[in-house]
Protein backbone atom coordinates (compact mmCIF):
# COMPACT_ATOMS: atom_id res chain seq x y z
CA MET A 1 -17.93 -22.33 -6.60
CA PRO A 2 -15.98 -20.37 -3.95
CA SER A 3 -17.71 -17.67 -1.97
CA VAL A 4 -15.53 -14.62 -1.36
CA VAL A 5 -16.15 -11.78 1.09
CA PHE A 6 -14.33 -8.53 0.35
CA ALA A 7 -14.08 -5.87 3.06
CA ALA A 8 -13.55 -2.14 2.46
CA PRO A 9 -14.41 0.91 4.58
CA LEU A 10 -16.05 2.79 1.70
CA LEU A 11 -17.30 1.95 -1.77
CA SER A 12 -14.63 4.20 -3.27
CA GLU A 13 -13.52 4.06 -6.87
CA ASN A 14 -10.53 1.90 -5.97
CA ALA A 15 -12.56 -0.43 -3.76
CA SER A 16 -15.19 -0.79 -6.47
CA ARG A 17 -12.53 -1.73 -9.01
CA MET A 18 -11.24 -4.41 -6.65
CA ILE A 19 -14.73 -5.78 -6.00
CA ALA A 20 -15.31 -5.86 -9.77
CA ALA A 21 -12.03 -7.73 -10.23
CA VAL A 22 -13.11 -10.41 -7.75
CA ALA A 23 -16.57 -10.60 -9.33
CA SER A 24 -14.98 -11.09 -12.78
CA LEU A 25 -13.47 -14.42 -11.75
CA PRO A 26 -15.31 -17.48 -13.05
CA ASP A 27 -17.65 -19.32 -10.70
CA VAL A 28 -17.20 -16.92 -7.75
CA ARG A 29 -19.93 -15.59 -5.47
CA VAL A 30 -19.03 -12.21 -3.96
CA GLY A 31 -20.08 -10.63 -0.70
CA VAL A 32 -19.07 -7.15 0.48
CA ILE A 33 -18.66 -5.71 3.98
CA THR A 34 -18.47 -1.93 4.16
CA HIS A 35 -19.60 1.21 6.00
CA ASP A 36 -21.55 2.33 2.93
CA PRO A 37 -25.14 1.29 2.12
CA PHE A 38 -25.72 -1.09 -0.76
CA GLU A 39 -27.44 1.69 -2.71
CA ARG A 40 -24.16 3.58 -2.97
CA MET A 41 -22.63 0.81 -5.05
CA ASP A 42 -22.57 1.31 -8.81
CA PRO A 43 -25.72 -0.31 -10.26
CA ALA A 44 -23.75 -2.44 -12.73
CA LEU A 45 -21.52 -3.75 -9.92
CA ARG A 46 -24.53 -4.25 -7.64
CA GLU A 47 -25.87 -6.89 -10.02
CA ARG A 48 -22.66 -8.91 -9.62
CA VAL A 49 -22.62 -8.89 -5.81
CA ALA A 50 -24.52 -11.69 -4.12
CA ALA A 51 -24.52 -10.29 -0.57
CA HIS A 52 -23.80 -7.01 1.22
CA TRP A 53 -23.50 -6.19 4.92
CA ARG A 54 -23.15 -2.71 6.37
CA VAL A 55 -21.17 -2.29 9.60
CA ASP A 56 -20.55 0.67 11.88
CA ASP A 57 -16.87 -0.11 12.51
CA ILE A 58 -15.13 -2.17 9.88
CA LEU A 59 -11.99 -2.37 12.03
CA SER A 60 -13.89 -4.34 14.67
CA PRO A 61 -13.17 -8.09 14.40
CA ASP A 62 -16.50 -8.80 16.13
CA GLN A 63 -18.46 -6.81 13.55
CA LEU A 64 -16.50 -8.33 10.66
CA ALA A 65 -17.08 -11.85 11.95
CA HIS A 66 -20.79 -11.18 12.53
CA ALA A 67 -21.16 -9.79 9.01
CA ALA A 68 -19.40 -12.77 7.43
CA GLU A 69 -21.51 -15.24 9.42
CA CYS A 70 -24.74 -13.45 8.48
CA MET A 71 -23.84 -13.45 4.78
CA ALA A 72 -22.84 -17.12 4.75
CA PRO A 73 -26.42 -18.42 4.17
CA ARG A 74 -26.85 -16.10 1.19
CA LEU A 75 -23.48 -17.09 -0.27
CA GLY A 76 -23.76 -20.78 0.56
CA SER A 77 -20.55 -20.51 2.59
CA VAL A 78 -17.62 -18.17 3.16
CA ASP A 79 -14.41 -19.56 1.67
CA ARG A 80 -12.22 -16.46 1.46
CA LEU A 81 -12.13 -13.19 3.40
CA PHE A 82 -9.77 -10.37 2.45
CA GLY A 83 -9.40 -6.69 1.60
CA ALA A 84 -6.78 -4.21 0.47
CA TYR A 85 -7.10 -1.47 3.11
CA GLU A 86 -3.91 -1.34 5.21
CA GLN A 87 -5.63 -0.89 8.56
CA LEU A 88 -7.87 -3.91 7.91
CA GLN A 89 -5.14 -6.51 7.59
CA VAL A 90 -4.92 -7.51 11.27
CA PRO A 91 -8.70 -7.51 11.97
CA LEU A 92 -9.29 -9.60 8.84
CA ALA A 93 -6.59 -12.06 9.90
CA GLU A 94 -8.14 -12.37 13.36
CA VAL A 95 -11.54 -13.11 11.83
CA ARG A 96 -10.10 -15.69 9.43
CA GLU A 97 -8.59 -17.51 12.40
CA ARG A 98 -11.88 -17.30 14.31
CA LEU A 99 -13.88 -18.70 11.37
CA GLY A 100 -11.26 -21.23 10.26
CA LEU A 101 -10.67 -19.58 6.87
CA PRO A 102 -7.42 -19.80 4.87
CA GLY A 103 -5.15 -16.79 4.57
CA MET A 104 -2.50 -14.84 6.42
CA PRO A 105 -2.61 -15.51 10.20
CA ALA A 106 -2.87 -12.66 12.69
CA ASP A 107 0.69 -12.93 14.02
CA VAL A 108 2.07 -12.58 10.51
CA ALA A 109 -0.28 -9.69 9.74
CA ARG A 110 1.09 -7.90 12.79
CA ASN A 111 4.63 -8.37 11.48
CA PHE A 112 3.65 -6.24 8.49
CA ARG A 113 1.33 -3.82 10.28
CA ASP A 114 3.45 -2.91 13.34
CA LYS A 115 6.44 -1.02 11.93
CA ASP A 116 8.53 -1.33 15.10
CA ARG A 117 7.94 -5.08 15.25
CA MET A 118 8.71 -5.32 11.53
CA LYS A 119 12.02 -3.50 11.77
CA THR A 120 13.03 -5.50 14.84
CA ILE A 121 12.50 -8.72 12.88
CA LEU A 122 14.37 -7.38 9.85
CA ALA A 123 17.31 -6.20 11.96
CA ARG A 124 17.44 -9.50 13.85
CA HIS A 125 17.97 -11.28 10.52
CA GLY A 126 20.64 -8.87 9.34
CA LEU A 127 18.48 -7.06 6.80
CA PRO A 128 19.27 -3.38 6.15
CA CYS A 129 16.84 -0.92 7.68
CA ALA A 130 16.95 2.32 9.64
CA ARG A 131 17.81 2.33 13.36
CA HIS A 132 14.58 2.81 15.28
CA CYS A 133 12.84 2.85 18.63
CA LEU A 134 9.28 2.85 19.94
CA ALA A 135 8.84 5.80 22.30
CA CYS A 136 6.07 5.93 24.89
CA ASP A 137 7.33 9.20 26.39
CA ASP A 138 9.36 12.26 25.48
CA ALA A 139 12.42 11.09 27.44
CA THR A 140 12.80 7.97 25.30
CA ALA A 141 12.51 10.03 22.13
CA VAL A 142 15.13 12.52 23.30
CA ALA A 143 17.50 9.71 24.35
CA PHE A 144 17.18 8.11 20.91
CA ALA A 145 17.87 11.47 19.25
CA ASP A 146 21.01 11.85 21.39
CA LEU A 147 22.15 8.39 20.31
CA VAL A 148 21.38 8.57 16.58
CA GLY A 149 21.44 12.29 15.83
CA PHE A 150 19.32 14.35 13.45
CA PRO A 151 17.45 14.30 11.17
CA LEU A 152 14.86 11.81 12.42
CA VAL A 153 11.49 10.54 11.20
CA LEU A 154 8.49 10.20 13.55
CA LYS A 155 5.36 8.24 12.62
CA PRO A 156 2.68 5.96 14.10
CA PRO A 157 3.84 2.34 14.50
CA ALA A 158 0.77 1.23 12.54
CA GLY A 159 0.81 4.00 9.95
CA ALA A 160 0.18 3.68 6.24
CA GLY A 161 2.31 5.35 3.59
CA ALA A 162 3.57 8.81 4.59
CA LEU A 163 0.44 9.79 6.50
CA HIS A 164 1.08 11.42 9.90
CA THR A 165 4.84 11.25 9.27
CA PHE A 166 7.20 14.00 10.45
CA GLN A 167 10.79 14.73 9.56
CA VAL A 168 12.56 16.60 12.35
CA ASP A 169 15.90 18.27 11.84
CA ASP A 170 16.79 19.54 15.32
CA VAL A 171 15.81 19.57 19.00
CA ARG A 172 13.20 22.26 18.45
CA GLY A 173 11.56 20.29 15.64
CA LEU A 174 11.57 17.17 17.79
CA GLY A 175 9.79 19.02 20.59
CA GLU A 176 7.12 20.31 18.19
CA ALA A 177 6.56 16.84 16.72
CA LEU A 178 6.30 15.27 20.16
CA ARG A 179 3.67 17.83 21.16
CA VAL A 180 1.62 16.77 18.14
CA CYS A 181 2.21 13.01 18.55
CA ALA A 182 1.85 13.07 22.37
CA PRO A 183 3.57 9.69 22.96
CA ALA A 184 2.19 7.63 25.85
CA SER A 185 1.96 3.98 26.88
CA GLY A 186 -1.24 3.61 24.87
CA ASN A 187 -0.10 5.89 22.06
CA PRO A 188 3.56 5.15 21.20
CA VAL A 189 5.41 6.85 18.37
CA GLN A 190 7.86 5.19 16.00
CA ILE A 191 11.16 7.09 15.69
CA GLU A 192 13.71 6.24 13.02
CA GLU A 193 16.94 7.62 11.73
CA PHE A 194 16.42 9.57 8.53
CA VAL A 195 17.67 7.66 5.50
CA ALA A 196 19.06 9.93 2.79
CA GLY A 197 18.83 8.63 -0.76
CA ASP A 198 16.48 7.78 -3.61
CA GLU A 199 13.22 6.06 -2.66
CA HIS A 200 11.59 3.20 -4.53
CA SER A 201 8.97 0.49 -4.18
CA PHE A 202 9.25 -3.25 -4.73
CA GLU A 203 6.10 -5.29 -5.39
CA THR A 204 6.17 -9.08 -5.04
CA VAL A 205 3.71 -11.88 -5.72
CA SER A 206 4.32 -14.83 -3.40
CA ILE A 207 2.78 -18.30 -3.50
CA ASP A 208 3.33 -20.77 -0.67
CA GLY A 209 6.18 -18.65 0.68
CA GLN A 210 8.04 -18.37 -2.63
CA ALA A 211 8.41 -15.15 -4.61
CA VAL A 212 7.15 -15.93 -8.13
CA TRP A 213 7.11 -12.42 -9.65
CA HIS A 214 8.22 -8.91 -8.80
CA SER A 215 8.14 -5.34 -10.02
CA LEU A 216 9.67 -2.09 -8.83
CA THR A 217 9.23 1.65 -9.19
CA HIS A 218 11.24 4.83 -8.73
CA TYR A 219 9.74 7.74 -6.74
CA HIS A 220 10.60 11.28 -7.89
CA PRO A 221 11.05 12.76 -5.29
CA THR A 222 10.48 10.86 -2.03
CA PRO A 223 6.91 10.88 -0.61
CA LEU A 224 8.12 12.72 2.50
CA ASP A 225 9.49 15.52 0.31
CA VAL A 226 6.12 15.69 -1.44
CA ILE A 227 4.27 15.97 1.87
CA ARG A 228 6.55 18.77 3.09
CA ASN A 229 6.40 20.73 -0.19
CA PRO A 230 2.85 21.19 -1.58
CA TRP A 231 4.18 22.72 -4.81
CA ILE A 232 5.95 19.52 -5.87
CA GLN A 233 4.40 17.50 -8.70
CA TRP A 234 5.15 13.89 -7.80
CA CYS A 235 6.13 11.17 -10.30
CA VAL A 236 6.33 7.37 -10.13
CA VAL A 237 8.24 5.49 -12.82
CA LEU A 238 8.24 1.76 -13.59
CA PRO A 239 11.30 0.86 -15.67
CA ARG A 240 10.90 -1.82 -18.30
CA GLU A 241 14.11 -3.62 -17.36
CA ILE A 242 14.00 -4.80 -13.74
CA ASP A 243 16.29 -7.85 -13.86
CA GLU A 244 19.49 -5.84 -14.27
CA PRO A 245 22.42 -6.48 -11.87
CA ARG A 246 21.93 -3.07 -10.21
CA TYR A 247 18.75 -4.45 -8.61
CA ASP A 248 20.29 -7.70 -7.37
CA ASP A 249 20.84 -6.37 -3.84
CA ILE A 250 17.30 -5.16 -3.26
CA ARG A 251 15.88 -8.28 -4.89
CA ARG A 252 17.78 -10.47 -2.42
CA ALA A 253 16.87 -8.23 0.53
CA ALA A 254 13.19 -7.98 -0.42
CA PHE A 255 12.72 -11.71 -0.90
CA ARG A 256 14.49 -12.44 2.38
CA ALA A 257 12.43 -9.79 4.18
CA LEU A 258 9.20 -11.42 3.02
CA GLU A 259 10.51 -14.78 4.17
CA VAL A 260 11.38 -13.69 7.70
CA LEU A 261 8.15 -11.68 8.09
CA GLY A 262 6.14 -14.77 7.19
CA MET A 263 4.59 -14.00 3.80
CA ASP A 264 2.88 -17.07 2.35
CA THR A 265 0.52 -16.29 -0.55
CA GLY A 266 -0.32 -12.74 -1.54
CA LEU A 267 0.87 -9.42 -2.97
CA SER A 268 3.24 -7.20 -1.00
CA HIS A 269 4.41 -3.62 -1.34
CA LEU A 270 7.89 -2.85 0.01
CA GLU A 271 9.40 0.63 0.09
CA TRP A 272 13.16 1.00 0.08
CA PHE A 273 16.00 3.48 -0.32
CA ARG A 274 19.16 3.51 -2.38
CA ARG A 275 21.51 5.32 -0.01
CA ARG A 276 24.02 7.82 -1.31
CA ASP A 277 26.82 5.29 -0.77
CA GLY A 278 25.01 2.80 -3.06
CA SER A 279 23.71 0.48 -0.33
CA VAL A 280 20.01 -0.31 0.16
CA ALA A 281 17.76 0.14 3.19
CA ILE A 282 14.26 -1.26 3.61
CA SER A 283 11.78 1.36 4.78
CA GLU A 284 8.70 -0.76 5.39
CA VAL A 285 6.65 -3.62 3.93
CA ALA A 286 2.88 -3.93 3.54
CA ALA A 287 1.00 -7.17 2.86
CA ARG A 288 -1.45 -5.56 0.44
CA PRO A 289 -1.60 -4.04 -3.05
CA PRO A 290 0.29 -0.75 -3.50
CA GLY A 291 -1.50 2.59 -3.64
CA ALA A 292 -0.70 5.67 -5.73
CA GLN A 293 -2.11 4.06 -8.88
CA ILE A 294 0.85 1.63 -8.97
CA THR A 295 -1.53 -1.25 -9.73
CA SER A 296 -2.81 0.75 -12.72
CA ILE A 297 0.63 1.42 -14.15
CA ILE A 298 1.67 -2.21 -13.56
CA SER A 299 -1.36 -3.13 -15.68
CA TRP A 300 -0.17 -0.78 -18.40
CA ALA A 301 3.40 -2.05 -18.27
CA HIS A 302 2.23 -5.62 -18.92
CA ASP A 303 -0.99 -5.09 -20.92
CA ILE A 304 -2.99 -6.98 -18.29
CA ASP A 305 -5.59 -6.25 -15.62
CA PHE A 306 -3.33 -6.52 -12.58
CA LEU A 307 -6.23 -6.20 -10.13
CA GLU A 308 -7.87 -9.22 -11.74
CA ALA A 309 -4.56 -11.09 -11.44
CA TRP A 310 -4.38 -10.13 -7.76
CA ALA A 311 -7.97 -11.25 -7.17
CA ARG A 312 -7.21 -14.61 -8.81
CA LEU A 313 -4.14 -14.95 -6.58
CA MET A 314 -6.17 -14.28 -3.43
CA VAL A 315 -9.07 -16.56 -4.38
CA TYR A 316 -7.39 -19.44 -6.22
CA GLY A 317 -3.73 -19.08 -5.16
CA THR A 318 -2.53 -18.94 -8.76
CA PHE A 319 -0.64 -16.32 -10.75
CA ALA A 320 0.61 -16.32 -14.34
CA PRO A 321 3.74 -14.09 -14.43
CA PRO A 322 3.19 -11.57 -17.24
CA THR A 323 5.77 -10.22 -19.66
CA ARG A 324 6.81 -6.63 -18.97
CA ARG A 325 6.34 -4.79 -22.27
CA TYR A 326 6.72 -1.11 -21.44
CA ALA A 327 8.25 1.44 -19.14
CA VAL A 328 5.41 3.41 -17.54
CA GLY A 329 5.32 6.64 -15.58
CA ALA A 330 2.65 8.48 -13.62
CA ALA A 331 2.74 12.21 -12.86
CA TYR A 332 0.53 13.46 -10.02
CA LEU A 333 -0.53 17.04 -10.63
CA ARG A 334 -1.35 19.21 -7.64
CA GLY A 335 -3.01 22.59 -7.90
CA GLN A 336 -1.67 25.55 -5.98
CA GLY A 337 -3.42 28.03 -3.73
CA GLY A 338 -6.82 27.73 -2.03
CA GLY A 339 -9.96 25.89 -3.06
CA ALA A 340 -10.35 22.33 -4.27
CA GLY A 341 -9.16 20.57 -7.39
CA ALA A 342 -11.60 20.16 -10.27
CA ALA A 343 -9.77 18.40 -13.13
CA PRO A 344 -6.73 18.97 -15.34
CA SER A 345 -7.68 21.42 -18.09
CA ARG A 346 -4.91 20.35 -20.45
CA ARG A 347 -2.24 17.68 -20.52
CA SER A 348 1.16 17.94 -22.04
CA THR A 349 1.87 16.10 -25.26
CA ALA A 350 5.63 15.99 -24.74
CA TRP A 351 5.64 12.19 -24.44
CA ARG A 352 4.19 11.91 -27.95
CA ARG A 353 7.49 13.11 -29.35
CA ARG A 354 8.82 9.65 -28.73
CA SER A 355 7.70 6.94 -31.13
CA GLY A 356 5.58 4.17 -29.66
CA SER A 357 4.45 6.04 -26.54
CA SER A 358 0.92 6.68 -25.34
CA ALA A 359 -0.79 8.43 -22.45
CA HIS A 360 -3.90 8.42 -20.30
CA SER A 361 -5.13 10.87 -17.69
CA TRP A 362 -7.56 10.65 -14.80
CA SER A 363 -8.69 13.08 -12.13
CA ARG A 364 -10.10 13.07 -8.63
CA PRO A 365 -12.18 16.22 -8.23
CA GLY A 366 -12.66 17.83 -4.86
CA CYS A 367 -9.25 17.23 -3.27
CA PRO A 368 -7.54 20.18 -1.57
CA PRO A 369 -4.32 21.23 -3.33
CA ALA A 370 -1.99 19.92 -0.61
CA ALA A 371 -3.64 16.50 -0.27
CA LYS A 372 -1.31 13.52 -0.25
CA ARG A 373 -3.23 12.03 -3.19
CA PRO A 374 -3.46 14.90 -5.65
CA PRO A 375 -6.62 15.51 -7.68
CA GLY A 376 -5.21 14.99 -11.15
CA ALA A 377 -2.68 12.62 -12.59
CA THR A 378 -1.33 11.62 -15.96
CA ARG A 379 0.40 8.39 -16.83
CA ALA A 380 2.43 7.59 -19.91
CA LYS A 381 3.99 4.45 -21.29
CA GLY A 382 6.56 3.91 -23.96
CA THR A 383 9.08 1.49 -25.32
């Protein structure tokens, strides 16, 4: 009976679903490390968790290791240690190495976490990605802008998604962004050429270094456009047919990218562009499940619980490739004006005009209208 420790900063809805997915596996004992007290966990889930340890700083390898060691007597042992939070991937890897646990090593985790390091590795192996530099001062940033030209994208080298990301279109915009980012030797900023085109994701399940399954989505529009324009209602679409020749180039590039970055066993989330000339460019790769409800719509597309499949992959190293049955889309609805979101008052029934389609909606009350993750969303699937 394996003992699994799952780490998450907060006992959020998403984290709780992942903990429940791990706990649903047969013959598994589950421990949880988090900032939240045990009492904040849903009572039904609490009954399925064998151990809990609260820490002050979940990004501290010392605190993570101490928590895992303290829970070991209650669990009988600690056989697996993982989590889905992007910023946790390197600390978790460092603790696994310290405790002699299986899983992604720290050097590989850094390949996925440090975007400058990642793009350097990709470029070294001839994989398509944006030209980039890591700037520790304004002079380096300006020199790169002179070399590459505008527009440019500025972001933290260890960022997640489109958070803290700036698009700058001219010298004035660059100066404003640099004042906000304040690059320094201990606080570098990642600068990249702006890639114009359609943005997508590419999810892959790998076992022992081999890609055994993949999925992809289309973003409408790009996440950076959504961040810059609070009025935009964002959409993510999973097509039913993903093995068509038009995806051959990104399939080859994505699988090769995972190989050179060092992916062994796990789920990855790669974001990429289809440039206006038809070529592809890899934006970045994360060694974790995707956000933006992509795991939910993958579940719908295949009529499975994809989080349970991911948990089984992480605990047992096995994955049964499912059959893709539907195209699925998610629309993220953002309120306008001041205040905070409550819930969608009505959802459109336009998708019902097509035979064989269905829909589901969910909401996240309390989010400000311009939040990156909007308060309400609706997803629909159809043949």
